[in-house]
N, C-alpha and C. Protein backbone atom coordinates (compact mmCIF):
# COMPACT_ATOMS: atom_id res chain seq x y z
N UNK A 1 42.90 106.53 27.33
CA UNK A 1 43.28 106.77 28.70
C UNK A 1 43.86 105.49 29.26
N UNK A 2 44.82 105.61 30.11
CA UNK A 2 45.62 104.48 30.50
C UNK A 2 44.93 103.48 31.40
N UNK A 3 44.31 103.90 32.46
CA UNK A 3 43.76 102.95 33.42
C UNK A 3 42.28 103.16 33.66
N UNK A 4 41.60 103.85 32.78
CA UNK A 4 40.19 104.15 32.96
C UNK A 4 39.35 102.90 32.80
N UNK A 5 38.19 102.87 33.47
CA UNK A 5 37.29 101.76 33.21
C UNK A 5 36.90 101.81 31.75
N UNK A 6 36.75 100.66 31.13
CA UNK A 6 36.41 100.59 29.71
C UNK A 6 35.01 100.03 29.56
N UNK A 7 34.17 100.72 28.80
CA UNK A 7 32.81 100.29 28.57
C UNK A 7 32.79 99.51 27.27
N UNK A 8 32.21 98.30 27.26
CA UNK A 8 32.20 97.53 26.03
C UNK A 8 31.52 98.31 24.92
N UNK A 9 32.12 98.27 23.74
CA UNK A 9 31.55 98.94 22.59
C UNK A 9 30.16 98.41 22.33
N UNK A 10 29.93 97.15 22.65
CA UNK A 10 28.61 96.55 22.47
C UNK A 10 27.56 97.32 23.27
N UNK A 11 27.91 97.79 24.46
CA UNK A 11 26.97 98.57 25.27
C UNK A 11 26.61 99.87 24.56
N UNK A 12 27.60 100.52 23.94
CA UNK A 12 27.32 101.75 23.20
C UNK A 12 26.40 101.46 22.02
N UNK A 13 26.62 100.33 21.35
CA UNK A 13 25.77 99.97 20.21
C UNK A 13 24.34 99.70 20.68
N UNK A 14 24.21 99.04 21.81
CA UNK A 14 22.87 98.78 22.35
C UNK A 14 22.16 100.09 22.67
N UNK A 15 22.89 101.05 23.22
CA UNK A 15 22.29 102.34 23.52
C UNK A 15 21.86 103.05 22.24
N UNK A 16 22.64 102.90 21.18
CA UNK A 16 22.28 103.51 19.91
C UNK A 16 20.98 102.92 19.38
N UNK A 17 20.79 101.64 19.60
CA UNK A 17 19.57 100.98 19.13
C UNK A 17 18.34 101.51 19.85
N UNK A 18 18.51 102.03 21.05
CA UNK A 18 17.39 102.60 21.79
C UNK A 18 16.95 103.94 21.22
N UNK A 19 17.77 104.55 20.38
CA UNK A 19 17.40 105.80 19.72
C UNK A 19 17.88 107.04 20.42
N UNK A 20 18.27 106.45 21.16
CA UNK A 20 18.57 107.66 21.87
C UNK A 20 20.06 108.18 21.99
N UNK A 21 28.08 126.66 33.83
CA UNK A 21 28.21 127.37 32.67
C UNK A 21 27.04 127.20 31.74
N UNK A 22 26.98 127.92 30.72
CA UNK A 22 25.92 127.82 29.77
C UNK A 22 26.18 126.66 28.83
N UNK A 23 25.11 126.02 28.43
CA UNK A 23 25.18 124.96 27.46
C UNK A 23 24.30 125.36 26.30
N UNK A 24 24.81 125.18 25.13
CA UNK A 24 24.00 125.43 23.95
C UNK A 24 23.39 124.10 23.57
N UNK A 25 22.42 123.64 24.37
CA UNK A 25 21.84 122.32 24.18
C UNK A 25 21.21 122.19 22.80
N UNK A 26 20.76 123.29 22.24
CA UNK A 26 20.13 123.22 20.93
C UNK A 26 21.09 122.69 19.88
N UNK A 27 22.39 122.93 20.05
CA UNK A 27 23.33 122.43 19.05
C UNK A 27 24.27 121.35 19.60
N UNK A 28 24.13 120.98 20.86
CA UNK A 28 24.93 119.90 21.43
C UNK A 28 26.35 120.28 21.80
N UNK A 29 26.66 121.57 21.84
CA UNK A 29 28.02 121.99 22.15
C UNK A 29 28.13 122.45 23.59
N UNK A 30 29.16 121.95 24.28
CA UNK A 30 29.45 122.37 25.65
C UNK A 30 30.25 123.66 25.62
N UNK A 31 30.14 124.43 26.68
CA UNK A 31 30.99 125.60 26.88
C UNK A 31 32.21 125.11 27.65
N UNK A 32 33.28 124.77 26.92
CA UNK A 32 34.48 124.23 27.56
C UNK A 32 35.28 125.35 28.19
N UNK A 33 35.73 125.16 29.44
CA UNK A 33 36.60 126.16 30.07
C UNK A 33 37.93 126.25 29.33
N UNK A 34 38.65 127.31 29.57
CA UNK A 34 39.94 127.53 28.92
C UNK A 34 40.98 126.50 29.37
N UNK A 35 41.03 126.20 30.64
CA UNK A 35 42.00 125.27 31.22
C UNK A 35 43.45 125.68 30.97
N UNK A 36 43.71 126.93 30.63
CA UNK A 36 45.09 127.37 30.34
C UNK A 36 46.03 127.11 31.50
N UNK A 37 45.56 127.22 32.73
CA UNK A 37 46.43 127.00 33.89
C UNK A 37 46.90 125.55 33.99
N UNK A 38 46.16 124.64 33.36
CA UNK A 38 46.53 123.23 33.44
C UNK A 38 47.66 122.86 32.49
N UNK A 39 47.84 123.62 31.44
CA UNK A 39 48.89 123.31 30.47
C UNK A 39 50.26 123.23 31.14
N UNK A 40 50.54 124.14 32.05
CA UNK A 40 51.84 124.15 32.73
C UNK A 40 51.97 122.99 33.72
N UNK A 41 50.87 122.56 34.31
CA UNK A 41 50.89 121.48 35.29
C UNK A 41 50.92 120.10 34.64
N UNK A 42 50.36 119.97 33.45
CA UNK A 42 50.19 118.67 32.82
C UNK A 42 51.48 118.17 32.19
N UNK A 43 51.70 116.87 32.29
CA UNK A 43 52.85 116.27 31.61
C UNK A 43 52.51 115.97 30.15
N UNK A 44 51.23 115.88 29.85
CA UNK A 44 50.79 115.68 28.47
C UNK A 44 49.43 116.34 28.29
N UNK A 45 49.25 117.04 27.18
CA UNK A 45 47.95 117.65 26.88
C UNK A 45 47.54 117.34 25.45
N UNK A 46 46.25 117.25 25.25
CA UNK A 46 45.67 117.13 23.91
C UNK A 46 44.58 118.19 23.85
N UNK A 47 44.64 119.04 22.84
CA UNK A 47 43.65 120.08 22.66
C UNK A 47 43.25 120.08 21.19
N UNK A 48 42.06 119.59 20.92
CA UNK A 48 41.55 119.52 19.54
C UNK A 48 40.32 120.40 19.45
N UNK A 49 40.34 121.32 18.49
CA UNK A 49 39.20 122.19 18.23
C UNK A 49 38.99 122.21 16.72
N UNK A 50 38.02 121.44 16.27
CA UNK A 50 37.72 121.37 14.84
C UNK A 50 36.27 121.80 14.61
N UNK A 51 36.08 122.89 13.88
CA UNK A 51 34.73 123.29 13.51
C UNK A 51 34.39 122.61 12.19
N UNK A 52 33.21 122.88 11.64
CA UNK A 52 32.74 122.19 10.44
C UNK A 52 33.71 122.36 9.27
N UNK A 53 34.26 123.56 9.09
CA UNK A 53 35.16 123.77 7.95
C UNK A 53 36.46 122.98 8.12
N UNK A 54 36.99 122.92 9.34
CA UNK A 54 38.21 122.15 9.57
C UNK A 54 37.96 120.65 9.46
N UNK A 55 36.79 120.20 9.89
CA UNK A 55 36.44 118.79 9.73
C UNK A 55 36.39 118.44 8.24
N UNK A 56 35.78 119.32 7.46
CA UNK A 56 35.72 119.11 6.01
C UNK A 56 37.11 119.05 5.39
N UNK A 57 37.98 119.93 5.85
CA UNK A 57 39.35 119.94 5.35
C UNK A 57 40.07 118.64 5.72
N UNK A 58 39.90 118.19 6.96
CA UNK A 58 40.53 116.95 7.41
C UNK A 58 39.99 115.76 6.62
N UNK A 59 38.71 115.78 6.28
CA UNK A 59 38.11 114.68 5.52
C UNK A 59 38.76 114.52 4.16
N UNK A 60 39.25 115.60 3.59
CA UNK A 60 39.90 115.52 2.28
C UNK A 60 41.19 114.72 2.32
N UNK A 61 41.79 114.58 3.51
CA UNK A 61 43.02 113.82 3.63
C UNK A 61 42.76 112.32 3.84
N UNK A 62 41.49 111.95 4.00
CA UNK A 62 41.15 110.55 4.18
C UNK A 62 41.02 109.88 2.81
N UNK A 63 41.56 108.70 2.68
CA UNK A 63 41.54 107.96 1.41
C UNK A 63 40.22 107.20 1.29
N UNK A 64 39.34 107.57 0.35
CA UNK A 64 38.05 106.88 0.22
C UNK A 64 38.19 105.43 -0.21
N UNK A 65 39.38 105.03 -0.69
CA UNK A 65 39.60 103.65 -1.10
C UNK A 65 40.00 102.75 0.06
N UNK A 66 40.34 103.35 1.20
CA UNK A 66 40.66 102.57 2.40
C UNK A 66 39.38 102.43 3.21
N UNK A 67 38.99 101.20 3.55
CA UNK A 67 37.72 101.00 4.29
C UNK A 67 37.66 101.78 5.60
N UNK A 68 38.78 101.83 6.37
CA UNK A 68 38.73 102.53 7.65
C UNK A 68 38.58 104.04 7.45
N UNK A 69 39.21 104.59 6.42
CA UNK A 69 39.07 106.02 6.12
C UNK A 69 37.67 106.34 5.61
N UNK A 70 37.12 105.45 4.79
CA UNK A 70 35.75 105.65 4.29
C UNK A 70 34.76 105.65 5.44
N UNK A 71 34.98 104.78 6.43
CA UNK A 71 34.10 104.72 7.60
C UNK A 71 34.19 106.01 8.40
N UNK A 72 35.40 106.54 8.56
CA UNK A 72 35.57 107.80 9.30
C UNK A 72 34.87 108.93 8.55
N UNK A 73 35.00 108.97 7.24
CA UNK A 73 34.33 110.01 6.45
C UNK A 73 32.83 109.98 6.68
N UNK A 74 32.27 108.77 6.74
CA UNK A 74 30.83 108.62 6.94
C UNK A 74 30.41 109.17 8.31
N UNK A 75 31.22 108.90 9.33
CA UNK A 75 30.90 109.36 10.68
C UNK A 75 30.99 110.88 10.77
N UNK A 76 32.06 111.46 10.25
CA UNK A 76 32.26 112.90 10.43
C UNK A 76 31.40 113.73 9.48
N UNK A 77 30.75 113.09 8.54
CA UNK A 77 29.90 113.80 7.59
C UNK A 77 28.82 114.64 8.29
N UNK A 78 28.26 114.14 9.38
CA UNK A 78 27.20 114.86 10.08
C UNK A 78 27.68 115.74 11.22
N UNK A 79 29.00 115.84 11.41
CA UNK A 79 29.51 116.61 12.55
C UNK A 79 29.79 118.06 12.18
N UNK A 80 29.47 118.95 13.12
CA UNK A 80 29.81 120.36 12.98
C UNK A 80 30.97 120.76 13.88
N UNK A 81 31.36 119.86 14.78
CA UNK A 81 32.47 120.18 15.67
C UNK A 81 32.99 118.96 16.39
N UNK A 82 34.30 118.94 16.59
CA UNK A 82 34.97 117.94 17.42
C UNK A 82 35.86 118.71 18.38
N UNK A 83 35.59 118.55 19.67
CA UNK A 83 36.34 119.28 20.70
C UNK A 83 36.84 118.28 21.73
N UNK A 84 38.15 118.24 21.92
CA UNK A 84 38.76 117.31 22.86
C UNK A 84 39.73 118.08 23.73
N UNK A 85 39.65 117.86 25.02
CA UNK A 85 40.62 118.38 25.98
C UNK A 85 41.03 117.19 26.85
N UNK A 86 42.31 116.89 26.87
CA UNK A 86 42.78 115.77 27.66
C UNK A 86 44.09 116.18 28.35
N UNK A 87 44.17 115.87 29.62
CA UNK A 87 45.32 116.26 30.42
C UNK A 87 45.80 115.06 31.24
N UNK A 88 47.11 114.86 31.25
CA UNK A 88 47.74 113.83 32.06
C UNK A 88 48.73 114.52 32.99
N UNK A 89 48.74 114.07 34.24
CA UNK A 89 49.58 114.71 35.26
C UNK A 89 50.50 113.69 35.91
N UNK A 90 51.59 114.18 36.52
CA UNK A 90 52.54 113.32 37.21
C UNK A 90 52.14 113.05 38.65
N UNK A 91 51.16 113.79 39.16
CA UNK A 91 50.70 113.57 40.53
C UNK A 91 49.18 113.46 40.54
N UNK A 92 48.65 112.86 41.59
CA UNK A 92 47.20 112.67 41.70
C UNK A 92 46.46 113.98 41.90
N UNK A 93 45.32 114.10 41.27
CA UNK A 93 44.37 115.20 41.43
C UNK A 93 45.00 116.58 41.30
N UNK A 94 45.85 116.75 40.29
CA UNK A 94 46.49 118.04 40.03
C UNK A 94 45.56 118.99 39.29
N UNK A 95 44.43 118.49 38.85
CA UNK A 95 43.46 119.33 38.15
C UNK A 95 42.34 119.74 39.11
N UNK A 96 41.70 120.86 38.85
CA UNK A 96 40.64 121.33 39.74
C UNK A 96 39.35 120.52 39.53
N UNK A 97 38.99 119.72 40.50
CA UNK A 97 37.78 118.90 40.43
C UNK A 97 36.55 119.78 40.20
N UNK A 98 36.59 121.01 40.70
CA UNK A 98 35.45 121.92 40.52
C UNK A 98 35.18 122.18 39.04
N UNK A 99 36.23 122.26 38.22
CA UNK A 99 36.04 122.47 36.78
C UNK A 99 35.36 121.27 36.13
N UNK A 100 35.78 120.08 36.52
CA UNK A 100 35.17 118.86 35.99
C UNK A 100 33.71 118.79 36.42
N UNK A 101 33.44 119.12 37.69
CA UNK A 101 32.07 119.12 38.18
C UNK A 101 31.21 120.15 37.46
N UNK A 102 31.79 121.32 37.14
CA UNK A 102 31.07 122.36 36.41
C UNK A 102 30.67 121.86 35.01
N UNK A 103 31.57 121.12 34.38
CA UNK A 103 31.25 120.53 33.08
C UNK A 103 30.10 119.53 33.21
N UNK A 104 30.18 118.69 34.23
CA UNK A 104 29.11 117.70 34.44
C UNK A 104 27.77 118.40 34.69
N UNK A 105 27.79 119.53 35.39
CA UNK A 105 26.54 120.26 35.66
C UNK A 105 25.92 120.80 34.37
N UNK A 106 26.75 121.16 33.39
CA UNK A 106 26.21 121.62 32.11
C UNK A 106 25.32 120.55 31.48
N UNK A 107 25.65 119.31 31.76
CA UNK A 107 24.95 118.20 31.13
C UNK A 107 23.62 117.87 31.79
N UNK A 108 23.22 118.69 32.77
CA UNK A 108 21.89 118.54 33.36
C UNK A 108 20.87 119.45 32.67
N UNK A 109 21.33 120.24 31.71
CA UNK A 109 20.45 121.15 30.97
C UNK A 109 19.47 120.36 30.11
N UNK A 110 18.33 120.96 29.79
CA UNK A 110 17.36 120.29 28.92
C UNK A 110 18.01 119.87 27.60
N UNK A 111 17.66 118.68 27.17
CA UNK A 111 18.18 118.15 25.92
C UNK A 111 19.26 117.12 26.13
N UNK A 112 20.03 117.23 27.23
CA UNK A 112 21.10 116.27 27.50
C UNK A 112 20.55 115.08 28.28
N UNK A 113 20.93 113.89 27.88
CA UNK A 113 20.53 112.66 28.55
C UNK A 113 21.75 111.81 28.82
N UNK A 114 21.85 111.31 30.05
CA UNK A 114 22.98 110.43 30.38
C UNK A 114 22.71 109.06 29.76
N UNK A 115 23.72 108.55 29.04
CA UNK A 115 23.64 107.22 28.46
C UNK A 115 24.37 106.20 29.31
N UNK A 116 25.56 106.59 29.79
CA UNK A 116 26.41 105.67 30.52
C UNK A 116 27.06 106.42 31.67
N UNK A 117 27.11 105.75 32.82
CA UNK A 117 27.86 106.28 33.95
C UNK A 117 28.63 105.11 34.55
N UNK A 118 29.95 105.26 34.63
CA UNK A 118 30.80 104.25 35.23
C UNK A 118 31.55 104.94 36.36
N UNK A 119 31.48 104.35 37.54
CA UNK A 119 32.16 104.93 38.71
C UNK A 119 32.91 103.80 39.41
N UNK A 120 34.20 103.98 39.63
CA UNK A 120 35.02 103.03 40.35
C UNK A 120 35.62 103.76 41.55
N UNK A 121 35.00 103.57 42.71
CA UNK A 121 35.42 104.30 43.92
C UNK A 121 36.83 103.91 44.35
N UNK A 122 37.22 102.65 44.15
CA UNK A 122 38.57 102.21 44.57
C UNK A 122 39.65 102.92 43.77
N UNK A 123 39.44 103.05 42.46
CA UNK A 123 40.45 103.66 41.59
C UNK A 123 40.20 105.14 41.35
N UNK A 124 39.10 105.67 41.89
CA UNK A 124 38.73 107.08 41.70
C UNK A 124 38.57 107.42 40.22
N UNK A 125 37.95 106.52 39.48
CA UNK A 125 37.70 106.72 38.06
C UNK A 125 36.22 106.96 37.81
N UNK A 126 35.92 107.90 36.94
CA UNK A 126 34.55 108.18 36.55
C UNK A 126 34.50 108.39 35.04
N UNK A 127 33.51 107.80 34.40
CA UNK A 127 33.26 108.03 32.98
C UNK A 127 31.77 108.30 32.83
N UNK A 128 31.45 109.41 32.20
CA UNK A 128 30.06 109.77 31.93
C UNK A 128 29.93 110.03 30.44
N UNK A 129 28.89 109.44 29.83
CA UNK A 129 28.62 109.67 28.42
C UNK A 129 27.19 110.20 28.32
N UNK A 130 27.06 111.36 27.67
CA UNK A 130 25.77 112.02 27.50
C UNK A 130 25.50 112.26 26.03
N UNK A 131 24.22 112.30 25.70
CA UNK A 131 23.81 112.62 24.34
C UNK A 131 22.82 113.78 24.41
N UNK A 132 22.98 114.72 23.50
CA UNK A 132 22.03 115.83 23.38
C UNK A 132 21.04 115.45 22.28
N UNK A 133 19.77 115.39 22.65
CA UNK A 133 18.73 114.97 21.72
C UNK A 133 17.67 116.06 21.64
N UNK A 134 17.29 116.39 20.43
CA UNK A 134 16.19 117.32 20.20
C UNK A 134 15.13 116.55 19.42
N UNK A 135 13.98 116.33 20.07
CA UNK A 135 12.95 115.43 19.56
C UNK A 135 13.58 114.06 19.35
N UNK A 136 13.73 113.58 18.15
CA UNK A 136 14.37 112.27 17.94
C UNK A 136 15.73 112.41 17.26
N UNK A 137 16.23 113.61 17.15
CA UNK A 137 17.47 113.86 16.43
C UNK A 137 18.63 114.08 17.42
N UNK A 138 19.70 113.32 17.23
CA UNK A 138 20.90 113.47 18.05
C UNK A 138 21.65 114.71 17.58
N UNK A 139 21.94 115.61 18.53
CA UNK A 139 22.62 116.87 18.22
C UNK A 139 24.05 116.93 18.73
N UNK A 140 24.40 116.00 19.61
CA UNK A 140 25.75 116.02 20.15
C UNK A 140 25.99 114.91 21.13
N UNK A 141 27.25 114.71 21.46
CA UNK A 141 27.68 113.69 22.39
C UNK A 141 28.77 114.28 23.27
N UNK A 142 28.75 113.95 24.54
CA UNK A 142 29.80 114.41 25.46
C UNK A 142 30.28 113.24 26.28
N UNK A 143 31.60 113.14 26.40
CA UNK A 143 32.23 112.12 27.23
C UNK A 143 33.14 112.87 28.20
N UNK A 144 32.95 112.61 29.49
CA UNK A 144 33.84 113.17 30.51
C UNK A 144 34.40 112.00 31.30
N UNK A 145 35.72 111.85 31.25
CA UNK A 145 36.38 110.75 31.96
C UNK A 145 37.44 111.35 32.87
N UNK A 146 37.40 110.94 34.13
CA UNK A 146 38.40 111.45 35.07
C UNK A 146 38.94 110.32 35.92
N UNK A 147 40.19 110.45 36.25
CA UNK A 147 40.88 109.53 37.15
C UNK A 147 41.94 110.36 37.87
N UNK A 148 42.61 109.82 38.86
CA UNK A 148 43.51 110.65 39.66
C UNK A 148 44.55 111.45 38.87
N UNK A 149 45.11 110.91 37.82
CA UNK A 149 46.18 111.60 37.09
C UNK A 149 45.79 112.02 35.68
N UNK A 150 44.52 111.94 35.36
CA UNK A 150 44.12 112.26 34.00
C UNK A 150 42.65 112.64 33.95
N UNK A 151 42.33 113.59 33.06
CA UNK A 151 40.94 113.75 32.72
C UNK A 151 40.81 114.17 31.27
N UNK A 152 39.70 113.73 30.67
CA UNK A 152 39.47 113.94 29.25
C UNK A 152 38.02 114.33 29.04
N UNK A 153 37.84 115.29 28.15
CA UNK A 153 36.51 115.74 27.73
C UNK A 153 36.46 115.62 26.22
N UNK A 154 35.46 114.93 25.71
CA UNK A 154 35.22 114.84 24.27
C UNK A 154 33.82 115.37 24.02
N UNK A 155 33.69 116.31 23.11
CA UNK A 155 32.37 116.84 22.74
C UNK A 155 32.26 116.80 21.21
N UNK A 156 31.38 115.94 20.73
CA UNK A 156 31.09 115.86 19.31
C UNK A 156 29.78 116.60 19.09
N UNK A 157 29.80 117.55 18.17
CA UNK A 157 28.64 118.39 17.91
C UNK A 157 28.10 118.04 16.54
N UNK A 158 26.80 117.78 16.49
CA UNK A 158 26.16 117.44 15.23
C UNK A 158 25.55 116.07 15.31
N UNK A 159 25.21 115.55 14.17
CA UNK A 159 24.58 114.24 14.08
C UNK A 159 25.60 113.16 14.43
N UNK A 160 25.30 112.40 15.47
CA UNK A 160 26.22 111.37 15.95
C UNK A 160 25.50 110.03 15.89
N UNK A 161 26.10 109.07 15.20
CA UNK A 161 25.58 107.71 15.15
C UNK A 161 26.46 106.86 16.06
N UNK A 162 25.91 106.47 17.21
CA UNK A 162 26.71 105.72 18.18
C UNK A 162 27.20 104.40 17.61
N UNK A 163 26.44 103.82 16.69
CA UNK A 163 26.87 102.55 16.10
C UNK A 163 28.15 102.73 15.28
N UNK A 164 28.43 103.94 14.84
CA UNK A 164 29.62 104.20 14.05
C UNK A 164 30.71 104.92 14.84
N UNK A 165 30.43 105.25 16.08
CA UNK A 165 31.36 106.04 16.89
C UNK A 165 32.74 105.38 17.00
N UNK A 166 32.78 104.07 17.06
CA UNK A 166 34.08 103.39 17.20
C UNK A 166 35.01 103.69 16.04
N UNK A 167 34.48 104.12 14.89
CA UNK A 167 35.33 104.46 13.75
C UNK A 167 36.17 105.71 14.00
N UNK A 168 35.79 106.53 15.00
CA UNK A 168 36.57 107.73 15.33
C UNK A 168 37.62 107.47 16.41
N UNK A 169 37.58 106.29 17.03
CA UNK A 169 38.53 105.99 18.10
C UNK A 169 39.96 106.15 17.61
N UNK A 170 40.75 106.85 18.38
CA UNK A 170 42.15 107.04 18.04
C UNK A 170 42.40 108.09 16.97
N UNK A 171 41.37 108.78 16.53
CA UNK A 171 41.50 109.83 15.52
C UNK A 171 40.99 111.14 16.11
N UNK A 172 41.54 112.26 15.65
CA UNK A 172 41.12 113.59 16.08
C UNK A 172 41.25 113.76 17.59
N UNK A 173 42.14 113.02 18.24
CA UNK A 173 42.35 113.13 19.68
C UNK A 173 41.32 112.38 20.51
N UNK A 174 40.44 111.63 19.87
CA UNK A 174 39.40 110.88 20.58
C UNK A 174 40.00 109.58 21.09
N UNK A 175 39.90 109.31 22.39
CA UNK A 175 40.50 108.10 22.94
C UNK A 175 39.75 106.84 22.51
N UNK A 176 40.41 105.71 22.65
CA UNK A 176 39.79 104.42 22.40
C UNK A 176 38.66 104.23 23.41
N UNK A 177 37.56 103.64 22.97
CA UNK A 177 36.40 103.48 23.83
C UNK A 177 36.05 102.02 24.10
N UNK A 178 36.99 101.08 23.94
CA UNK A 178 36.69 99.70 24.32
C UNK A 178 36.78 99.66 25.83
N UNK A 179 35.71 100.01 26.46
CA UNK A 179 35.75 100.34 27.87
C UNK A 179 35.49 99.12 28.74
N UNK A 180 36.49 98.26 28.87
CA UNK A 180 36.44 97.16 29.79
C UNK A 180 37.48 97.43 30.85
N UNK A 181 37.18 97.03 32.07
CA UNK A 181 38.11 97.29 33.17
C UNK A 181 39.42 96.57 32.92
N UNK A 182 40.51 97.33 32.87
CA UNK A 182 41.84 96.75 32.68
C UNK A 182 42.40 96.39 34.04
N UNK A 183 43.04 95.25 34.11
CA UNK A 183 43.62 94.83 35.40
C UNK A 183 45.10 94.87 35.34
């Protein structure tokens, strides 16, 4: 995302060290809205829907002899789904804030825990990162980032190791997560 607040990857690693609509909290998957009406309004869209079989197929295209590809294979090995919806607009707040709020409300269901919340009132930017945990097992991760001309939802379903999450940055439609405030 272009001007979003950036959270240091080190903060995500520290959180990993701590262990830690309808929502299927048992499997870590969000019920993502269709957002079909936004496709016509958006100047750029990213829509990634990969279930376990498609993730497995994509993994076959990764070269195990390349260290970065081997790292990605290790991360996606425990995933059953990668779902990304990202929209960029030419004007401010062209997306329905109610839809974004509805997604955030799903994350109040049992099993979901907020890991990170970044709010910049001056720039109207918000980033929320949640993890779905069942007992001590991570079942999913959700990232919702919104700013005046863009919003992005990333939902990783399955076993997620936050210490390895940076290996997915820039792949499968997942944005870079070096989340430091850009000036």
